[in-house]
């Protein structure tokens, strides 16, 4: 049930005495009610409270005993189909929620914030400071990177990095109750911690308990707002949002990882649920090939590639075409290390429960990026690029970037063993990869996106812009024999067996995945929150913003 504010309730009762109206007339009356509410609120000082809940999946709110957030959702503009951009790291999500622009502009694509641009794209606190300098503003966060990178110290009155969510709650309530705060942001991190420790699913008790706990915090904060002696003479906008969704983890491009939520509550906002789900269409290109069936006890071995630099300063590119026929466990597609641990020195690109994971380890540190969905059993043209100049590890599917991570903490990737396909560096990992692998290409440089895209669906030729950096290239289309022969360059891949297994081949006409187009049906992006806050305060949002206000005030 929607709870009516006292003023709206009186208006509604007065209208009820006029008798039953037709639907069209009722709509006109409802708009009139909202206009009346706005007129009454016009003379009140405007206040904003923005509550950020890191890694909170909206379905967990509706599935958990979370009465405060549930009630707020019912009484507000609520988008449960809001979108975070790829990659779905906290840096990207919170940067969008503060700067009003996407990752192409703010450039905070990973949690190191390397290369981020908050000079040209500052937080919305900058606009508030410039337009309404007398306002008291506060940013109180558990994840210190928000204040350390995104929110500039001169732009806010109060800036605090808290040691815990408990400390954040205490400080934001103190700010609300003891200060004449005008615009305040607080950030809670425990839900995301629980997601990383377990997963982000509603079936996981640890995660659900964390959502219940933050709901209680939200309840106490909202009660503090309503307990202000001046509350009835103030016009409050309450914003609640998260920076990304999640499934087993986050950082990738799946809808579950991108799916966020935005709640906007104000007396002049008509409660509205925006929840249209996206629809997708998969496009593919025809493809025919006769190639090896990789299965138990069948794998390939690459030669020693002395000119492929896998040191802490070496950039490289690994490309291949893969088709998986199973989606369980984490069999290796290509790798050069012992896959018993992701921290072991070397590289593994595996089919992890139907999604490709690229793992990099130096013996102490590791990086994992997930991105390509193999569950459709189509061929996928995959590229993994390590660029030590930018310290980025990037994954592509059909020439389109699907994941990226910062590899600066991971050093030497030289494992001392040669690369294998269908197995790890030890050749003893279980299970084996089941499916097909072809078009294997290794370059001793970080290929640009343009080259990857241009050759995603065609064979390499000597006209390739980085042909001079090509270390190994096999098409994998031999109809017989025990090797994938080299093309353009000499090295080949030997196809080996164990336990008397036989090498078999299949003549396949399975298509190559081209792209998946998704219609999000106008779902709001996280960068729509800053223009909404500024519009509420009467500040014109900057022209460079990517988002627009989600409601009219």
Protein backbone atom coordinates (compact mmCIF):
# COMPACT_ATOMS: atom_id res chain seq x y z
CA UNK A 1 0.00 0.00 0.00
CA UNK A 2 1.20 3.50 -0.82
CA UNK A 3 1.36 5.74 2.22
CA UNK A 4 0.07 9.27 1.55
CA UNK A 5 1.70 12.37 2.96
CA UNK A 6 -0.76 14.35 5.13
CA UNK A 7 -1.21 17.11 2.55
CA UNK A 8 -1.85 14.68 -0.27
CA UNK A 9 -4.23 12.71 1.92
CA UNK A 10 -6.36 15.82 2.60
CA UNK A 11 -6.41 16.69 -1.08
CA UNK A 12 -7.43 13.15 -1.96
CA UNK A 13 -10.25 13.19 0.64
CA UNK A 14 -11.51 16.49 -0.71
CA UNK A 15 -11.58 15.17 -4.24
CA UNK A 16 -13.41 12.05 -3.10
CA UNK A 17 -16.43 14.18 -2.16
CA UNK A 18 -16.82 15.17 -5.78
CA UNK A 19 -17.89 11.63 -6.64
CA UNK A 20 -16.56 8.89 -8.85
CA UNK A 21 -14.55 10.08 -11.86
CA UNK A 22 -13.49 8.42 -15.08
CA UNK A 23 -9.85 7.26 -15.41
CA UNK A 24 -8.81 10.24 -17.51
CA UNK A 25 -10.23 12.69 -14.96
CA UNK A 26 -8.50 10.84 -12.13
CA UNK A 27 -5.19 11.21 -13.95
CA UNK A 28 -5.71 14.97 -14.25
CA UNK A 29 -6.55 15.17 -10.55
CA UNK A 30 -3.43 13.20 -9.62
CA UNK A 31 -1.27 15.60 -11.62
CA UNK A 32 -3.04 18.47 -9.89
CA UNK A 33 -2.24 16.92 -6.51
CA UNK A 34 1.44 16.72 -7.39
CA UNK A 35 1.42 20.31 -8.62
CA UNK A 36 -0.19 21.40 -5.35
CA UNK A 37 2.45 19.51 -3.37
CA UNK A 38 5.22 21.18 -5.35
CA UNK A 39 3.65 24.57 -4.73
CA UNK A 40 3.52 24.00 -0.98
CA UNK A 41 7.11 22.69 -0.92
CA UNK A 42 8.46 25.56 -3.00
CA UNK A 43 9.07 27.76 0.01
CA UNK A 44 10.90 25.13 2.06
CA UNK A 45 14.69 24.74 2.10
CA UNK A 46 15.77 21.81 -0.04
CA UNK A 47 17.85 19.02 1.51
CA UNK A 48 19.43 15.91 -0.04
CA UNK A 49 20.42 12.64 1.60
CA UNK A 50 22.15 10.18 -0.73
CA UNK A 51 22.67 6.70 0.71
CA UNK A 52 25.02 4.45 -1.26
CA UNK A 53 24.97 0.69 -0.65
CA UNK A 54 27.90 -0.99 -2.36
CA UNK A 55 27.14 -4.22 -4.24
CA UNK A 56 23.48 -4.43 -3.19
CA UNK A 57 21.36 -6.53 -5.56
CA UNK A 58 17.81 -5.19 -5.53
CA UNK A 59 16.24 -8.65 -5.51
CA UNK A 60 17.90 -9.23 -2.15
CA UNK A 61 15.94 -6.27 -0.77
CA UNK A 62 12.63 -7.74 -1.86
CA UNK A 63 13.60 -11.28 -0.80
CA UNK A 64 15.02 -10.33 2.60
CA UNK A 65 13.27 -9.01 5.66
CA UNK A 66 14.27 -5.46 4.74
CA UNK A 67 11.21 -3.38 5.73
CA UNK A 68 12.83 0.05 5.59
CA UNK A 69 14.13 -0.24 2.04
CA UNK A 70 10.99 -2.07 0.89
CA UNK A 71 8.75 0.66 2.24
CA UNK A 72 10.92 3.35 0.70
CA UNK A 73 10.81 1.60 -2.68
CA UNK A 74 7.00 1.45 -2.52
CA UNK A 75 6.74 5.17 -1.77
CA UNK A 76 9.27 6.36 -4.37
CA UNK A 77 10.39 6.46 -7.94
CA UNK A 78 12.18 3.13 -8.01
CA UNK A 79 14.18 1.74 -10.90
CA UNK A 80 15.06 -1.93 -10.48
CA UNK A 81 16.42 -2.06 -14.03
CA UNK A 82 19.08 0.65 -13.64
CA UNK A 83 22.38 0.00 -15.38
CA UNK A 84 26.04 0.13 -14.43
CA UNK A 85 28.51 0.30 -17.29
CA UNK A 86 31.15 -2.31 -18.09
CA UNK A 87 33.48 -3.07 -16.41
CA UNK A 88 31.31 -3.40 -13.32
CA UNK A 89 33.89 -2.34 -10.77
CA UNK A 90 33.05 -0.02 -7.89
CA UNK A 91 35.31 2.67 -9.35
CA UNK A 92 33.16 2.82 -12.47
CA UNK A 93 29.82 2.72 -10.66
CA UNK A 94 30.54 5.35 -8.01
CA UNK A 95 32.27 7.59 -10.53
CA UNK A 96 29.12 7.56 -12.67
CA UNK A 97 26.94 8.22 -9.61
CA UNK A 98 29.02 11.29 -8.74
CA UNK A 99 30.18 12.74 -12.06
CA UNK A 100 27.09 12.30 -14.23
CA UNK A 101 29.16 10.79 -17.05
CA UNK A 102 30.09 7.33 -18.29
CA UNK A 103 33.41 5.55 -18.20
CA UNK A 104 34.42 6.91 -21.62
CA UNK A 105 34.74 10.32 -19.95
CA UNK A 106 35.61 9.74 -16.30
CA UNK A 107 37.95 6.84 -17.24
CA UNK A 108 37.82 5.18 -13.80
CA UNK A 109 37.68 1.73 -15.35
CA UNK A 110 39.23 -0.15 -12.43
CA UNK A 111 39.65 0.27 -8.71
CA UNK A 112 43.16 1.68 -9.00
CA UNK A 113 41.60 4.80 -10.57
CA UNK A 114 44.64 4.93 -12.85
CA UNK A 115 44.04 7.52 -15.58
CA UNK A 116 40.73 8.71 -14.11
CA UNK A 117 39.70 12.26 -15.04
CA UNK A 118 37.96 14.12 -12.22
CA UNK A 119 39.45 17.44 -13.30
CA UNK A 120 37.19 17.75 -16.33
CA UNK A 121 34.46 15.62 -14.77
CA UNK A 122 34.24 16.44 -11.05
CA UNK A 123 31.66 15.17 -8.59
CA UNK A 124 28.27 16.88 -8.36
CA UNK A 125 29.53 18.50 -5.15
CA UNK A 126 31.59 20.83 -7.38
CA UNK A 127 28.45 22.17 -9.06
CA UNK A 128 26.81 22.61 -5.65
CA UNK A 129 29.86 24.42 -4.28
CA UNK A 130 29.93 26.72 -7.31
CA UNK A 131 26.20 27.48 -7.51
CA UNK A 132 25.19 27.36 -3.84
CA UNK A 133 28.40 27.94 -1.86
CA UNK A 134 26.59 28.53 1.44
CA UNK A 135 25.24 24.96 1.59
CA UNK A 136 26.71 22.53 4.11
CA UNK A 137 27.76 19.34 2.34
CA UNK A 138 29.17 16.05 3.59
CA UNK A 139 30.65 12.84 2.16
CA UNK A 140 31.03 10.06 4.74
CA UNK A 141 32.21 6.74 3.33
CA UNK A 142 33.43 3.31 4.31
CA UNK A 143 35.20 2.76 0.97
CA UNK A 144 37.82 5.49 1.18
CA UNK A 145 38.52 5.54 -2.57
CA UNK A 146 35.34 7.56 -3.11
CA UNK A 147 36.69 10.42 -1.02
CA UNK A 148 40.31 9.89 -1.98
CA UNK A 149 39.69 10.05 -5.73
CA UNK A 150 36.19 11.17 -6.72
CA UNK A 151 35.16 13.81 -4.15
CA UNK A 152 37.58 16.73 -4.03
CA UNK A 153 38.24 18.07 -0.53
CA UNK A 154 37.52 21.75 -1.40
CA UNK A 155 34.09 20.78 -2.74
CA UNK A 156 32.58 19.57 0.55
CA UNK A 157 32.24 20.93 4.06
CA UNK A 158 32.78 17.55 5.71
CA UNK A 159 34.73 14.58 4.34
CA UNK A 160 35.30 11.45 6.40
CA UNK A 161 36.68 8.02 5.60
CA UNK A 162 35.27 5.56 8.13
CA UNK A 163 36.89 2.38 9.39
CA UNK A 164 33.59 0.49 9.31
CA UNK A 165 29.94 0.73 8.36
CA UNK A 166 29.18 1.24 12.05
CA UNK A 167 31.36 4.35 12.09
CA UNK A 168 29.76 5.62 8.87
CA UNK A 169 26.28 5.22 10.36
CA UNK A 170 27.22 7.01 13.58
CA UNK A 171 28.81 9.92 11.71
CA UNK A 172 26.00 10.42 9.17
CA UNK A 173 23.39 10.40 11.93
CA UNK A 174 25.49 12.91 13.85
CA UNK A 175 25.67 15.08 10.72
CA UNK A 176 21.90 14.89 10.27
CA UNK A 177 20.96 15.54 13.88
CA UNK A 178 23.61 17.98 15.06
CA UNK A 179 24.36 20.06 11.96
CA UNK A 180 22.29 22.06 9.56
CA UNK A 181 23.27 19.71 6.76
CA UNK A 182 22.03 20.47 3.25
CA UNK A 183 23.48 17.73 1.02
CA UNK A 184 24.94 14.60 2.58
CA UNK A 185 26.24 11.35 1.09
CA UNK A 186 27.05 8.18 3.01
CA UNK A 187 28.46 4.92 1.71
CA UNK A 188 28.15 1.43 3.21
CA UNK A 189 30.44 -1.43 2.17
CA UNK A 190 29.51 -4.53 4.17
CA UNK A 191 27.03 -5.87 1.60
CA UNK A 192 29.72 -5.90 -1.07
CA UNK A 193 32.14 -7.54 1.38
CA UNK A 194 29.60 -10.31 1.94
CA UNK A 195 29.15 -10.73 -1.80
CA UNK A 196 32.88 -11.14 -2.31
CA UNK A 197 33.13 -13.55 0.60
CA UNK A 198 30.26 -15.71 -0.69
CA UNK A 199 28.29 -14.49 -3.71
CA UNK A 200 25.56 -11.97 -4.56
CA UNK A 201 22.65 -14.39 -4.65
CA UNK A 202 19.46 -14.34 -2.63
CA UNK A 203 20.01 -18.00 -1.71
CA UNK A 204 23.18 -17.17 0.24
CA UNK A 205 22.61 -16.55 3.95
CA UNK A 206 25.71 -14.42 4.50
CA UNK A 207 24.74 -12.06 1.72
CA UNK A 208 21.10 -11.84 2.80
CA UNK A 209 22.11 -11.15 6.40
CA UNK A 210 24.25 -8.25 5.21
CA UNK A 211 21.28 -6.77 3.35
CA UNK A 212 19.13 -7.04 6.48
CA UNK A 213 21.85 -5.28 8.46
CA UNK A 214 22.16 -2.36 6.07
CA UNK A 215 18.37 -2.08 5.93
CA UNK A 216 18.37 -1.52 9.69
CA UNK A 217 21.01 1.18 9.22
CA UNK A 218 18.89 2.87 6.56
CA UNK A 219 15.92 2.79 8.93
CA UNK A 220 17.84 4.49 11.72
CA UNK A 221 19.18 7.13 9.33
CA UNK A 222 15.73 7.91 7.94
CA UNK A 223 14.36 8.14 11.48
CA UNK A 224 17.11 10.64 12.27
CA UNK A 225 16.01 12.77 9.32
CA UNK A 226 12.38 12.71 10.44
CA UNK A 227 13.37 13.49 14.02
CA UNK A 228 14.92 16.83 13.05
CA UNK A 229 12.99 19.65 14.79
CA UNK A 230 12.80 21.47 11.46
CA UNK A 231 11.84 18.41 9.38
CA UNK A 232 8.26 19.52 8.64
CA UNK A 233 9.58 22.79 7.26
CA UNK A 234 12.16 21.12 4.99
CA UNK A 235 11.92 19.57 1.53
CA UNK A 236 13.99 16.36 1.51
CA UNK A 237 15.10 14.32 -1.48
CA UNK A 238 16.19 10.85 -0.37
CA UNK A 239 18.34 8.95 -2.88
CA UNK A 240 19.40 5.32 -2.44
CA UNK A 241 21.51 3.58 -5.07
CA UNK A 242 24.12 0.90 -5.61
CA UNK A 243 27.17 0.90 -7.83
CA UNK A 244 26.74 -2.50 -9.51
CA UNK A 245 24.90 -5.80 -9.31
CA UNK A 246 26.45 -9.22 -8.98
CA UNK A 247 26.10 -12.96 -9.32
CA UNK A 248 29.01 -15.20 -8.33
CA UNK A 249 31.06 -12.00 -8.35
CA UNK A 250 31.14 -8.73 -10.31
CA UNK A 251 33.39 -6.87 -12.70
CA UNK A 252 32.16 -8.54 -15.88
CA UNK A 253 29.55 -7.67 -18.48
CA UNK A 254 26.61 -9.94 -17.61
CA UNK A 255 23.22 -8.34 -16.95
CA UNK A 256 23.21 -9.57 -13.36
CA UNK A 257 26.49 -7.73 -12.77
CA UNK A 258 25.26 -4.58 -14.54
CA UNK A 259 21.79 -4.53 -12.97
CA UNK A 260 21.64 -1.85 -10.27
CA UNK A 261 18.82 0.12 -8.63
CA UNK A 262 17.95 3.76 -7.97
CA UNK A 263 15.41 5.00 -5.41
CA UNK A 264 14.23 8.64 -5.40
CA UNK A 265 11.89 9.80 -2.63
CA UNK A 266 10.38 13.26 -2.30
CA UNK A 267 6.91 14.53 -1.43
CA UNK A 268 6.47 15.82 -4.98
CA UNK A 269 7.46 12.52 -6.66
CA UNK A 270 4.66 10.18 -7.66
CA UNK A 271 5.59 6.61 -6.66
CA UNK A 272 6.58 4.69 -9.78
CA UNK A 273 8.22 1.32 -10.41
CA UNK A 274 10.47 1.20 -13.48
CA UNK A 275 11.30 -2.45 -14.03
CA UNK A 276 11.16 -3.37 -17.72
CA UNK A 277 13.67 -6.14 -18.36
CA UNK A 278 16.03 -6.04 -21.34
CA UNK A 279 15.49 -8.16 -24.43
CA UNK A 280 18.41 -9.60 -26.35
CA UNK A 281 19.08 -10.83 -29.84
CA UNK A 282 22.14 -12.93 -30.71
CA UNK A 283 23.70 -12.45 -34.15
CA UNK A 284 26.22 -14.88 -35.64
CA UNK A 285 28.30 -15.45 -38.75
CA UNK A 286 28.32 -18.70 -40.76
CA UNK A 287 31.38 -20.87 -40.22
CA UNK A 288 32.56 -24.25 -41.47
CA UNK A 289 35.66 -26.09 -40.30
CA UNK A 290 37.00 -29.57 -39.73
CA UNK A 291 39.01 -29.54 -36.53
CA UNK A 292 40.16 -31.58 -33.53
CA UNK A 293 37.73 -32.64 -30.83
CA UNK A 294 39.34 -31.78 -27.50
CA UNK A 295 38.27 -34.17 -24.78
CA UNK A 296 39.66 -36.20 -21.92
CA UNK A 297 43.31 -37.19 -22.58
CA UNK A 298 43.54 -35.07 -25.75
CA UNK A 299 45.39 -31.74 -25.63
CA UNK A 300 47.84 -29.58 -27.58
CA UNK A 301 51.35 -28.42 -26.77
CA UNK A 302 52.95 -25.23 -28.05
CA UNK A 303 56.71 -25.00 -28.54
CA UNK A 304 58.94 -22.78 -26.44
CA UNK A 305 58.33 -19.22 -27.62
CA UNK A 306 61.46 -17.38 -26.54
CA UNK A 307 60.41 -14.11 -28.18
CA UNK A 308 57.12 -13.93 -26.25
CA UNK A 309 57.91 -11.70 -23.28
CA UNK A 310 55.85 -12.67 -20.23
CA UNK A 311 57.93 -10.70 -17.75
CA UNK A 312 56.51 -7.94 -15.54
CA UNK A 313 57.18 -5.47 -18.34
CA UNK A 314 56.16 -7.56 -21.36
CA UNK A 315 52.99 -6.87 -23.36
CA UNK A 316 51.32 -9.60 -25.41
CA UNK A 317 48.08 -10.76 -27.04
CA UNK A 318 46.50 -14.22 -27.06
CA UNK A 319 43.73 -14.87 -29.56
CA UNK A 320 41.80 -18.06 -30.26
CA UNK A 321 38.47 -19.39 -31.42
CA UNK A 322 36.69 -21.71 -28.97
CA UNK A 323 33.50 -23.71 -28.83
CA UNK A 324 32.62 -25.45 -25.56
CA UNK A 325 30.27 -28.40 -25.25
CA UNK A 326 30.18 -28.43 -21.43
CA UNK A 327 29.77 -25.68 -18.84
CA UNK A 328 30.92 -27.20 -15.57
CA UNK A 329 34.08 -26.77 -13.50
CA UNK A 330 36.98 -24.75 -14.98
CA UNK A 331 38.83 -26.70 -17.70
CA UNK A 332 41.69 -24.90 -19.43
CA UNK A 333 41.42 -23.58 -22.97
CA UNK A 334 44.99 -22.31 -23.10
CA UNK A 335 47.56 -21.83 -20.36
CA UNK A 336 51.14 -22.21 -19.25
CA UNK A 337 50.91 -22.89 -15.51
CA UNK A 338 49.68 -25.22 -12.79
CA UNK A 339 45.96 -24.44 -12.46
CA UNK A 340 45.81 -25.89 -8.94
CA UNK A 341 45.94 -22.26 -7.77
CA UNK A 342 45.24 -18.99 -9.50
CA UNK A 343 48.17 -17.49 -7.60
CA UNK A 344 50.66 -19.83 -9.30
CA UNK A 345 52.96 -18.10 -11.73
CA UNK A 346 51.65 -17.94 -15.28
CA UNK A 347 48.51 -17.54 -17.35
CA UNK A 348 45.35 -19.61 -17.62
CA UNK A 349 42.35 -18.93 -19.86
CA UNK A 350 39.63 -21.33 -18.76
CA UNK A 351 35.99 -22.19 -19.32
CA UNK A 352 34.76 -21.44 -15.80
CA UNK A 353 31.22 -22.79 -15.54
CA UNK A 354 30.45 -21.62 -19.05
CA UNK A 355 32.16 -18.21 -18.85
CA UNK A 356 35.74 -17.57 -19.93
CA UNK A 357 38.07 -16.50 -17.13
CA UNK A 358 41.52 -15.11 -17.83
CA UNK A 359 43.74 -15.63 -14.80
CA UNK A 360 47.16 -14.10 -14.23
CA UNK A 361 49.40 -14.99 -11.27
CA UNK A 362 52.96 -14.20 -10.23
CA UNK A 363 53.20 -16.57 -7.26
CA UNK A 364 51.93 -13.98 -4.79
CA UNK A 365 49.31 -11.88 -6.55
CA UNK A 366 46.58 -12.73 -9.04
CA UNK A 367 44.11 -11.04 -11.38
CA UNK A 368 40.95 -12.63 -12.79
CA UNK A 369 38.78 -11.15 -15.52
CA UNK A 370 35.59 -12.87 -16.69
CA UNK A 371 33.71 -12.09 -19.84
CA UNK A 372 32.82 -14.48 -22.68
CA UNK A 373 29.69 -16.64 -22.35
CA UNK A 374 30.29 -20.06 -23.93
CA UNK A 375 26.99 -21.65 -22.89
CA UNK A 376 25.43 -21.01 -26.32
CA UNK A 377 27.85 -23.62 -27.81
CA UNK A 378 28.62 -21.25 -30.69
CA UNK A 379 32.18 -20.51 -31.74
CA UNK A 380 33.58 -17.42 -30.03
CA UNK A 381 36.55 -15.42 -31.28
CA UNK A 382 38.36 -14.45 -28.07
CA UNK A 383 41.23 -12.03 -27.55
CA UNK A 384 43.07 -11.37 -24.28
CA UNK A 385 45.42 -8.40 -24.35
CA UNK A 386 47.96 -7.54 -21.65
CA UNK A 387 49.28 -4.01 -22.06
CA UNK A 388 52.04 -3.24 -19.57
CA UNK A 389 52.16 0.40 -20.65
CA UNK A 390 48.61 0.97 -19.43
CA UNK A 391 48.67 -1.95 -16.93
CA UNK A 392 45.38 -3.19 -18.37
CA UNK A 393 44.32 -6.75 -19.13
CA UNK A 394 41.43 -6.66 -21.58
CA UNK A 395 39.16 -9.39 -22.97
CA UNK A 396 37.26 -9.24 -26.28
CA UNK A 397 34.50 -11.37 -27.76
CA UNK A 398 34.11 -11.01 -31.52
CA UNK A 399 36.13 -7.81 -31.46
CA UNK A 400 34.01 -6.21 -28.74
CA UNK A 401 35.48 -5.51 -25.30
CA UNK A 402 33.68 -7.47 -22.59
CA UNK A 403 35.99 -7.20 -19.55
CA UNK A 404 39.00 -5.35 -18.26
CA UNK A 405 41.18 -5.37 -15.14
CA UNK A 406 44.25 -3.68 -13.70
CA UNK A 407 47.29 -5.96 -13.84
CA UNK A 408 49.78 -3.62 -12.18
CA UNK A 409 49.93 -5.74 -9.00
CA UNK A 410 50.79 -8.91 -10.93
CA UNK A 411 54.39 -9.27 -12.04
CA UNK A 412 56.29 -11.97 -13.93
CA UNK A 413 54.08 -14.52 -15.73
CA UNK A 414 56.89 -16.83 -16.88
CA UNK A 415 56.01 -20.20 -15.41
CA UNK A 416 58.86 -22.26 -16.84
CA UNK A 417 56.45 -24.49 -18.79
CA UNK A 418 55.18 -24.20 -22.35
CA UNK A 419 51.64 -23.23 -23.26
CA UNK A 420 49.11 -26.01 -23.69
CA UNK A 421 45.63 -25.99 -25.24
CA UNK A 422 42.91 -28.06 -23.62
CA UNK A 423 45.14 -28.52 -20.54
CA UNK A 424 47.17 -26.57 -18.00
CA UNK A 425 50.96 -26.38 -17.98
CA UNK A 426 51.28 -29.65 -16.06
CA UNK A 427 49.02 -31.62 -18.45
CA UNK A 428 47.47 -33.22 -15.37
CA UNK A 429 44.51 -30.94 -14.66
CA UNK A 430 41.06 -32.47 -14.39
CA UNK A 431 38.71 -32.05 -16.13
CA UNK A 432 40.01 -31.62 -19.64
CA UNK A 433 38.46 -29.01 -21.92
CA UNK A 434 35.63 -30.47 -23.99
CA UNK A 435 34.93 -28.83 -27.32
CA UNK A 436 36.98 -27.27 -30.11
CA UNK A 437 39.83 -24.75 -30.30
CA UNK A 438 41.18 -23.17 -33.48
CA UNK A 439 42.60 -19.92 -34.95
CA UNK A 440 45.25 -19.62 -32.24
CA UNK A 441 47.30 -16.44 -32.49
CA UNK A 442 50.00 -15.12 -30.17
CA UNK A 443 51.54 -11.69 -30.58
CA UNK A 444 54.48 -10.19 -28.69
CA UNK A 445 52.66 -6.87 -28.38
CA UNK A 446 49.37 -5.51 -27.08
CA UNK A 447 47.13 -5.33 -30.14
CA UNK A 448 44.89 -2.27 -30.42
CA UNK A 449 41.13 -2.80 -30.46
CA UNK A 450 41.03 -1.84 -34.14
CA UNK A 451 43.27 -4.76 -35.16
CA UNK A 452 41.35 -7.23 -33.01
CA UNK A 453 38.05 -6.14 -34.49
CA UNK A 454 39.30 -6.13 -38.09
CA UNK A 455 40.52 -9.75 -37.93
CA UNK A 456 37.91 -11.30 -35.63
CA UNK A 457 36.12 -13.16 -38.40
CA UNK A 458 38.83 -13.53 -41.02
CA UNK A 459 42.11 -15.38 -41.17
CA UNK A 460 45.32 -13.46 -40.58
CA UNK A 461 47.26 -12.26 -43.60
CA UNK A 462 50.60 -10.57 -44.10
CA UNK A 463 48.67 -7.29 -44.30
CA UNK A 464 47.86 -7.45 -40.57
CA UNK A 465 49.17 -4.18 -39.00
CA UNK A 466 51.06 -6.09 -36.29
CA UNK A 467 52.17 -9.02 -38.45
CA UNK A 468 55.79 -8.36 -37.47
CA UNK A 469 54.85 -9.11 -33.85
CA UNK A 470 53.19 -12.43 -34.68
CA UNK A 471 54.83 -15.25 -32.72
CA UNK A 472 52.50 -18.16 -33.48
CA UNK A 473 49.50 -18.66 -35.75
CA UNK A 474 47.67 -21.89 -36.49
CA UNK A 475 44.29 -22.15 -38.15
CA UNK A 476 43.63 -25.60 -36.70
CA UNK A 477 41.78 -26.75 -39.81
CA UNK A 478 43.92 -29.78 -40.70
CA UNK A 479 41.78 -32.76 -41.64
CA UNK A 480 44.33 -35.29 -40.40
CA UNK A 481 47.62 -35.66 -38.59
CA UNK A 482 48.85 -34.82 -35.10
CA UNK A 483 49.60 -31.12 -35.40
CA UNK A 484 48.12 -27.68 -35.97
CA UNK A 485 50.56 -26.38 -38.59
CA UNK A 486 51.99 -22.88 -38.50
CA UNK A 487 50.80 -20.19 -40.89
CA UNK A 488 52.73 -16.98 -41.68
CA UNK A 489 55.23 -18.04 -38.99
CA UNK A 490 56.94 -21.38 -38.37
CA UNK A 491 55.84 -22.59 -34.89
CA UNK A 492 53.16 -25.26 -34.80
CA UNK A 493 51.09 -26.95 -32.08
CA UNK A 494 51.45 -30.69 -31.49
CA UNK A 495 48.25 -32.55 -30.67
CA UNK A 496 49.04 -35.12 -27.96
CA UNK A 497 47.16 -37.86 -26.16
CA UNK A 498 47.30 -39.87 -22.95
CA UNK A 499 46.01 -43.28 -21.93
CA UNK A 500 45.68 -44.51 -25.53
CA UNK A 501 43.12 -41.85 -26.40
CA UNK A 502 42.56 -41.25 -30.10
CA UNK A 503 42.51 -37.96 -31.97
CA UNK A 504 39.18 -37.39 -33.64
CA UNK A 505 37.90 -34.53 -35.77
CA UNK A 506 34.48 -33.13 -36.53
CA UNK A 507 33.27 -31.32 -39.62
CA UNK A 508 31.42 -28.44 -38.00
CA UNK A 509 29.04 -25.89 -39.46
CA UNK A 510 28.43 -24.17 -36.12
CA UNK A 511 28.22 -20.40 -36.47
CA UNK A 512 30.61 -17.89 -34.89
CA UNK A 513 29.11 -15.56 -32.32
CA UNK A 514 29.09 -12.05 -33.78
CA UNK A 515 27.39 -9.90 -31.21
CA UNK A 516 24.52 -9.80 -28.78
CA UNK A 517 22.36 -6.73 -29.16
CA UNK A 518 20.35 -5.75 -26.12
CA UNK A 519 17.39 -3.41 -25.89
CA UNK A 520 17.27 -2.00 -22.38
CA UNK A 521 13.99 -0.20 -23.07
CA UNK A 522 15.11 3.15 -21.74
CA UNK A 523 16.44 1.85 -18.42
CA UNK A 524 18.32 4.61 -16.56
CA UNK A 525 22.08 4.55 -16.17
CA UNK A 526 23.73 5.34 -12.86
CA UNK A 527 25.04 8.61 -14.28
CA UNK A 528 21.44 9.92 -14.25
CA UNK A 529 21.58 10.42 -10.47
CA UNK A 530 23.77 13.60 -10.40
CA UNK A 531 21.56 15.59 -12.82
CA UNK A 532 18.54 14.52 -10.75
CA UNK A 533 20.11 15.84 -7.53
CA UNK A 534 21.22 19.10 -9.15
CA UNK A 535 17.81 19.66 -10.77
CA UNK A 536 16.13 19.18 -7.40
CA UNK A 537 18.39 21.88 -5.94
CA UNK A 538 17.59 24.23 -8.82
CA UNK A 539 21.05 23.91 -10.38
CA UNK A 540 21.32 23.45 -14.14
CA UNK A 541 23.29 20.25 -14.82
CA UNK A 542 26.47 20.69 -16.91
CA UNK A 543 26.04 20.28 -20.64
CA UNK A 544 28.67 17.52 -20.72
CA UNK A 545 26.57 15.21 -18.52
CA UNK A 546 25.60 11.93 -20.16
CA UNK A 547 22.48 11.56 -18.03
CA UNK A 548 19.33 13.59 -17.52
CA UNK A 549 17.15 14.10 -14.46
CA UNK A 550 14.94 11.05 -13.88
CA UNK A 551 12.01 13.06 -12.50
CA UNK A 552 10.67 16.58 -12.86
CA UNK A 553 10.60 18.69 -9.72
